[in-house]
Amino acid sequence: MVIKMTREQSDLLALCALRADSKSIDWSLLARTCQSREALDIVLGGDLPEDSTIARRNQPLLRQALTYLDDARARVEAECNAADRADARLVTVLDAEYPANLRVIPNLPPFLFYLGSLEERDARSAAVVGTRNASEEGLQRAARMARGLVEHEVVVFSGLAKGIDTAAHTSTVEAGGRTVAVMGTGIASKIYPAQNRPLAARILDHGGALLSQFWPTSSAATWTFPRRNVVTSGSTMGSIVIEASSTSGAKMQARIAHEHGKRVFLLRSLATKEPWAAKMIAERRAVEVTELTDVLELMGEATRVQQAGQQRLQLTLAGL
């Protein structure tokens, strides 16, 4: 295995690869509990230190699955070899480099594989998201929002999908900003959709990053995109929804961002057209915005997020 992993990283990934009766241990549970050597040893010993319903539900599965630990380690080696062939890198919840915004959400992923680099300035970031089937006006609004964020040194996250995501990534690159694409596939898998392979390469060429929470060889599936929305929301200070129907994944991301305690910004043009958006605003789960300044004033400061992430890590360690 060429990707150099610490013993702790290797053990964490092995726990994620454990399976019994075609089931795996809840990854967010592992991410919350396995943030130190001591915690890893407890879990490898068959116990889950978290006192929760989900921990109690996973406890017998963990003890059964640990009998297949050697198989799990073989899976980790194969996946990391695939990541290495793609020139990808690894970061886990055990590492100080793990994204600060992501560390403070309850359903954080235990690991990320990525191309490009992770940077401290990513803490001051916003997700610009919306429907794949965007109108021309929606694409223009996404482009203007992305360019405005770049002017104020905000990193733009999106999901590399067609439509609004593509407009946000493309405009960020053209404006000389940094953009991070959160993938719905593994980092060593084919870019999805295929038409955005040149865009993915362009993002990397201009100092951006591609990010994946999945095993490197994972292909696109119906369940991977909702998971992708969790990381897109969690990695940022807030989500800006440009255009989205009631069945759009961007609507799901708005809900997830609210659950994460992140800011949810809905364009006025969206709120006047879509009842779900108007309802979120009426219930004060989202803010209606018309100007970029509305977003910037409410988004907050990156230092606060970084401090919160560090505090969350310290509280986790202290709870052992």
Protein backbone atom coordinates (compact mmCIF):
# COMPACT_ATOMS: atom_id res chain seq x y z
CA MET A 1 0.00 0.00 0.00
CA VAL A 2 1.60 3.26 -1.14
CA ILE A 3 -0.77 5.66 0.67
CA LYS A 4 0.99 6.11 3.98
CA MET A 5 -1.42 5.58 6.84
CA THR A 6 -0.86 5.75 10.55
CA ARG A 7 -1.83 2.73 12.59
CA GLU A 8 -4.81 4.71 13.87
CA GLN A 9 -6.03 5.58 10.39
CA SER A 10 -5.67 1.96 9.30
CA ASP A 11 -7.65 0.73 12.31
CA LEU A 12 -10.41 3.29 11.72
CA LEU A 13 -10.81 2.29 8.08
CA ALA A 14 -10.80 -1.39 9.05
CA LEU A 15 -13.69 -0.74 11.44
CA CYS A 16 -15.54 1.00 8.61
CA ALA A 17 -14.95 -2.03 6.37
CA LEU A 18 -16.31 -4.54 8.91
CA ARG A 19 -19.41 -6.41 7.78
CA ALA A 20 -21.62 -9.12 9.21
CA ASP A 21 -24.87 -10.42 7.70
CA SER A 22 -24.33 -7.91 4.85
CA LYS A 23 -24.44 -5.02 7.33
CA SER A 24 -21.73 -2.56 8.36
CA ILE A 25 -21.31 -0.54 11.55
CA ASP A 26 -22.90 2.90 11.33
CA TRP A 27 -20.14 5.11 9.93
CA SER A 28 -21.23 8.30 11.66
CA LEU A 29 -21.22 6.43 14.97
CA LEU A 30 -17.65 5.31 14.28
CA ALA A 31 -16.68 8.85 13.28
CA ARG A 32 -18.06 10.33 16.50
CA THR A 33 -16.49 7.75 18.78
CA CYS A 34 -13.16 6.86 17.13
CA GLN A 35 -11.21 10.11 17.36
CA SER A 36 -8.28 8.85 19.46
CA ARG A 37 -6.09 5.79 19.95
CA GLU A 38 -7.85 5.02 23.22
CA ALA A 39 -11.27 5.13 21.60
CA LEU A 40 -10.14 2.90 18.75
CA ASP A 41 -8.87 0.30 21.23
CA ILE A 42 -12.22 0.31 23.01
CA VAL A 43 -14.13 -0.26 19.78
CA LEU A 44 -11.66 -2.87 18.53
CA GLY A 45 -12.29 -4.61 21.84
CA GLY A 46 -15.97 -4.89 20.98
CA ASP A 47 -17.47 -1.96 22.89
CA LEU A 48 -19.01 1.30 21.73
CA PRO A 49 -18.42 4.15 24.22
CA GLU A 50 -21.34 6.27 23.01
CA ASP A 51 -24.51 6.03 25.09
CA SER A 52 -27.22 6.17 22.44
CA THR A 53 -29.91 4.07 20.81
CA ILE A 54 -27.85 3.70 17.65
CA ALA A 55 -24.82 2.55 19.64
CA ARG A 56 -26.86 -0.07 21.46
CA ARG A 57 -28.29 -1.24 18.14
CA ASN A 58 -24.80 -1.54 16.61
CA GLN A 59 -23.15 -3.20 19.62
CA PRO A 60 -23.98 -6.86 18.77
CA LEU A 61 -23.21 -6.24 15.10
CA LEU A 62 -19.77 -4.90 16.02
CA ARG A 63 -18.88 -7.97 18.10
CA GLN A 64 -20.05 -10.31 15.36
CA ALA A 65 -18.25 -8.37 12.62
CA LEU A 66 -14.93 -8.22 14.49
CA THR A 67 -14.45 -11.91 13.72
CA TYR A 68 -13.95 -10.79 10.11
CA LEU A 69 -11.35 -8.13 10.90
CA ASP A 70 -8.71 -9.66 8.62
CA ASP A 71 -11.13 -9.48 5.68
CA ALA A 72 -11.83 -5.84 6.52
CA ARG A 73 -8.12 -5.00 6.54
CA ALA A 74 -7.76 -6.65 3.11
CA ARG A 75 -10.62 -4.47 1.81
CA VAL A 76 -8.91 -1.35 3.16
CA GLU A 77 -5.64 -2.28 1.44
CA ALA A 78 -7.36 -2.83 -1.90
CA GLU A 79 -9.30 0.44 -1.69
CA CYS A 80 -6.26 2.47 -0.66
CA ASN A 81 -4.27 0.98 -3.52
CA ALA A 82 -7.00 2.16 -5.89
CA ALA A 83 -6.88 5.62 -4.29
CA ASP A 84 -3.12 5.71 -4.68
CA ARG A 85 -3.36 4.87 -8.37
CA ALA A 86 -5.68 7.87 -8.71
CA ASP A 87 -3.12 10.06 -6.84
CA ALA A 88 -5.68 10.66 -4.08
CA ARG A 89 -4.99 11.43 -0.45
CA LEU A 90 -6.72 10.52 2.79
CA VAL A 91 -7.87 12.46 5.85
CA THR A 92 -9.80 11.05 8.82
CA VAL A 93 -11.50 12.32 11.96
CA LEU A 94 -8.29 11.42 13.77
CA ASP A 95 -6.40 14.13 11.89
CA ALA A 96 -6.09 17.84 12.65
CA GLU A 97 -6.53 18.50 8.91
CA TYR A 98 -10.07 17.11 8.93
CA PRO A 99 -12.38 19.92 7.75
CA ALA A 100 -13.43 22.16 10.65
CA ASN A 101 -17.01 22.69 9.43
CA LEU A 102 -17.55 18.98 8.99
CA ARG A 103 -16.28 18.01 12.43
CA VAL A 104 -19.15 19.80 14.23
CA ILE A 105 -22.06 17.91 12.62
CA PRO A 106 -23.42 14.71 14.20
CA ASN A 107 -23.48 12.64 10.97
CA LEU A 108 -19.92 13.36 9.89
CA PRO A 109 -18.05 10.83 7.71
CA PRO A 110 -15.13 8.99 9.35
CA PHE A 111 -12.83 9.57 6.39
CA LEU A 112 -12.45 11.51 3.16
CA PHE A 113 -10.43 10.74 0.07
CA TYR A 114 -9.56 13.75 -2.01
CA LEU A 115 -7.70 15.10 -5.02
CA GLY A 116 -6.11 18.52 -4.80
CA SER A 117 -5.65 19.91 -1.33
CA LEU A 118 -7.62 20.71 1.80
CA GLU A 119 -6.98 24.24 3.04
CA GLU A 120 -7.74 26.21 6.19
CA ARG A 121 -9.56 28.84 4.13
CA ASP A 122 -12.17 26.20 3.28
CA ALA A 123 -13.70 26.99 6.66
CA ARG A 124 -15.05 30.23 5.14
CA SER A 125 -17.20 28.58 2.54
CA ALA A 126 -20.70 28.33 1.16
CA ALA A 127 -22.47 25.65 -0.84
CA VAL A 128 -24.17 26.88 -4.01
CA VAL A 129 -26.65 24.21 -5.06
CA GLY A 130 -29.79 23.65 -7.09
CA THR A 131 -31.60 21.55 -9.62
CA ARG A 132 -29.98 19.65 -12.47
CA ASN A 133 -32.75 20.85 -14.77
CA ALA A 134 -32.04 24.53 -14.28
CA SER A 135 -33.59 27.38 -16.19
CA GLU A 136 -31.38 29.88 -17.98
CA GLU A 137 -32.22 32.44 -15.30
CA GLY A 138 -31.25 29.95 -12.61
CA LEU A 139 -27.90 29.28 -14.23
CA GLN A 140 -27.24 33.01 -14.45
CA ARG A 141 -28.17 33.53 -10.80
CA ALA A 142 -25.84 30.69 -9.75
CA ALA A 143 -23.00 32.21 -11.78
CA ARG A 144 -23.53 35.67 -10.27
CA MET A 145 -23.67 34.26 -6.75
CA ALA A 146 -20.46 32.28 -7.26
CA ARG A 147 -18.61 35.28 -8.70
CA GLY A 148 -19.74 37.44 -5.78
CA LEU A 149 -18.56 34.88 -3.24
CA VAL A 150 -15.17 34.73 -4.95
CA GLU A 151 -14.87 38.52 -4.71
CA HIS A 152 -15.27 38.19 -0.95
CA GLU A 153 -12.82 35.28 -0.68
CA VAL A 154 -15.45 32.68 0.11
CA VAL A 155 -14.71 29.12 -1.06
CA VAL A 156 -17.55 27.72 -3.17
CA PHE A 157 -18.66 24.11 -2.61
CA SER A 158 -21.07 22.23 -4.84
CA GLY A 159 -21.86 18.71 -6.00
CA LEU A 160 -20.44 18.49 -9.55
CA ALA A 161 -23.92 17.70 -10.91
CA LYS A 162 -25.46 19.12 -14.06
CA GLY A 163 -27.27 22.44 -13.94
CA ILE A 164 -26.76 24.76 -10.97
CA ASP A 165 -23.74 22.86 -9.60
CA THR A 166 -21.95 23.07 -12.93
CA ALA A 167 -22.66 26.80 -13.21
CA ALA A 168 -21.36 27.42 -9.67
CA HIS A 169 -18.12 25.47 -10.18
CA THR A 170 -17.49 26.91 -13.64
CA SER A 171 -18.07 30.53 -12.64
CA THR A 172 -15.86 30.16 -9.56
CA VAL A 173 -13.00 28.84 -11.66
CA GLU A 174 -13.46 31.56 -14.27
CA ALA A 175 -13.45 34.22 -11.54
CA GLY A 176 -10.16 32.91 -10.15
CA GLY A 177 -11.67 31.51 -6.95
CA ARG A 178 -11.38 28.20 -5.15
CA THR A 179 -14.10 25.60 -5.54
CA VAL A 180 -14.50 22.15 -4.00
CA ALA A 181 -16.61 19.47 -5.69
CA VAL A 182 -18.18 16.95 -3.32
CA MET A 183 -18.58 13.74 -5.30
CA GLY A 184 -21.37 11.18 -5.25
CA THR A 185 -18.87 8.48 -6.27
CA GLY A 186 -15.55 7.16 -5.04
CA ILE A 187 -12.44 9.21 -5.73
CA ALA A 188 -11.01 6.45 -8.00
CA SER A 189 -14.30 5.82 -9.77
CA LYS A 190 -15.50 7.47 -12.97
CA ILE A 191 -16.60 11.08 -12.68
CA TYR A 192 -20.38 11.35 -12.63
CA PRO A 193 -21.90 12.72 -14.75
CA ALA A 194 -19.42 11.87 -17.49
CA GLN A 195 -19.95 15.22 -19.17
CA ASN A 196 -18.34 16.93 -16.16
CA ARG A 197 -15.01 15.09 -16.38
CA PRO A 198 -13.38 18.11 -18.08
CA LEU A 199 -14.84 20.37 -15.38
CA ALA A 200 -13.39 18.15 -12.64
CA ALA A 201 -9.97 18.35 -14.27
CA ARG A 202 -10.32 22.11 -14.60
CA ILE A 203 -11.19 22.47 -10.91
CA LEU A 204 -7.98 20.67 -9.98
CA ASP A 205 -5.91 22.63 -12.48
CA HIS A 206 -7.10 25.89 -10.87
CA GLY A 207 -6.27 24.96 -7.28
CA GLY A 208 -9.58 23.42 -6.24
CA ALA A 209 -10.34 19.97 -4.87
CA LEU A 210 -12.49 16.89 -5.42
CA LEU A 211 -13.79 15.30 -2.22
CA SER A 212 -15.39 11.90 -1.58
CA GLN A 213 -16.67 10.22 1.59
CA PHE A 214 -17.00 6.82 -0.11
CA TRP A 215 -14.64 3.92 -0.68
CA PRO A 216 -12.45 4.91 -3.64
CA THR A 217 -13.91 2.32 -6.04
CA SER A 218 -17.57 3.10 -5.23
CA SER A 219 -19.75 3.85 -8.24
CA ALA A 220 -22.79 6.10 -8.40
CA ALA A 221 -25.97 4.79 -6.76
CA THR A 222 -29.28 6.25 -5.65
CA TRP A 223 -28.17 6.29 -2.00
CA THR A 224 -24.81 7.99 -2.60
CA PHE A 225 -26.23 11.36 -3.62
CA PRO A 226 -28.22 12.02 -0.43
CA ARG A 227 -25.04 11.13 1.49
CA ARG A 228 -23.16 13.56 -0.74
CA ASN A 229 -25.64 16.29 0.25
CA VAL A 230 -24.78 15.72 3.92
CA VAL A 231 -21.10 16.36 3.30
CA THR A 232 -21.75 19.33 1.02
CA SER A 233 -23.83 20.93 3.75
CA GLY A 234 -21.54 19.89 6.58
CA SER A 235 -18.38 21.14 4.89
CA THR A 236 -19.65 24.71 4.64
CA MET A 237 -20.96 27.54 6.80
CA GLY A 238 -24.23 27.63 4.89
CA SER A 239 -26.09 26.49 1.80
CA ILE A 240 -27.44 28.81 -0.88
CA VAL A 241 -30.23 27.18 -2.88
CA ILE A 242 -30.65 28.86 -6.25
CA GLU A 243 -33.42 26.88 -7.92
CA ALA A 244 -35.01 23.61 -6.80
CA SER A 245 -38.31 21.78 -7.12
CA SER A 246 -39.99 19.87 -4.31
CA THR A 247 -38.26 16.66 -5.48
CA SER A 248 -34.79 18.13 -5.96
CA GLY A 249 -31.80 17.01 -3.96
CA ALA A 250 -31.14 20.69 -3.26
CA LYS A 251 -34.37 20.81 -1.24
CA MET A 252 -33.02 17.88 0.76
CA GLN A 253 -29.78 19.75 1.30
CA ALA A 254 -31.69 22.77 2.62
CA ARG A 255 -33.35 20.53 5.19
CA ILE A 256 -30.06 18.87 6.10
CA ALA A 257 -28.28 22.21 6.46
CA HIS A 258 -30.97 23.38 8.87
CA GLU A 259 -30.57 20.17 10.88
CA HIS A 260 -26.81 20.79 10.96
CA GLY A 261 -27.40 24.24 12.44
CA LYS A 262 -25.96 25.84 9.31
CA ARG A 263 -27.39 28.88 7.55
CA VAL A 264 -29.91 28.15 4.82
CA PHE A 265 -30.27 30.86 2.18
CA LEU A 266 -33.12 30.67 -0.33
CA LEU A 267 -33.29 33.11 -3.21
CA ARG A 268 -36.43 35.24 -3.36
CA SER A 269 -37.09 33.97 -6.88
CA LEU A 270 -37.17 30.43 -5.45
CA ALA A 271 -39.36 31.36 -2.48
CA THR A 272 -42.00 32.99 -4.70
CA LYS A 273 -42.18 29.92 -6.95
CA GLU A 274 -41.81 26.91 -4.66
CA PRO A 275 -44.16 26.35 -1.68
CA TRP A 276 -41.56 24.27 0.18
CA ALA A 277 -39.14 27.21 0.12
CA ALA A 278 -41.77 29.69 1.28
CA LYS A 279 -42.67 27.32 4.12
CA MET A 280 -39.06 27.03 5.30
CA ILE A 281 -38.77 30.80 5.37
CA ALA A 282 -42.11 31.22 7.19
CA GLU A 283 -40.99 28.68 9.79
CA ARG A 284 -37.66 30.51 10.18
CA ARG A 285 -35.70 27.46 9.08
CA ALA A 286 -34.26 29.46 6.18
CA VAL A 287 -33.56 33.06 5.23
CA GLU A 288 -34.83 34.69 2.05
CA VAL A 289 -32.08 36.59 0.26
CA THR A 290 -31.95 38.90 -2.70
CA GLU A 291 -28.39 40.19 -2.52
CA LEU A 292 -24.98 38.67 -1.84
CA THR A 293 -24.57 41.06 1.10
CA ASP A 294 -27.49 39.30 2.83
CA VAL A 295 -25.51 36.07 2.70
CA LEU A 296 -22.21 37.57 3.82
CA GLU A 297 -23.74 39.38 6.79
CA LEU A 298 -25.35 36.22 8.16
CA MET A 299 -22.74 33.62 7.29
CA GLY A 300 -20.36 34.28 10.19
CA GLU A 301 -16.62 34.06 10.61
CA ALA A 302 -14.37 31.12 9.84
CA THR A 303 -12.45 31.47 13.12
CA ARG A 304 -15.63 30.67 15.04
CA VAL A 305 -16.10 27.46 13.07
CA GLN A 306 -12.48 26.42 13.54
CA GLN A 307 -12.74 26.98 17.30
CA ALA A 308 -15.98 25.00 17.45
CA GLY A 309 -14.36 22.11 15.60
CA GLN A 310 -11.44 22.06 18.00
CA GLN A 311 -13.78 22.22 20.99
CA ARG A 312 -15.82 19.32 19.60
CA LEU A 313 -12.67 17.23 19.27
CA GLN A 314 -11.57 18.07 22.82
CA LEU A 315 -15.01 17.20 24.22
CA THR A 316 -14.95 13.88 22.38
CA LEU A 317 -11.55 13.02 23.80
CA ALA A 318 -12.56 14.12 27.30
CA GLY A 319 -15.61 11.89 27.20
CA LEU A 320 -13.60 8.67 27.06
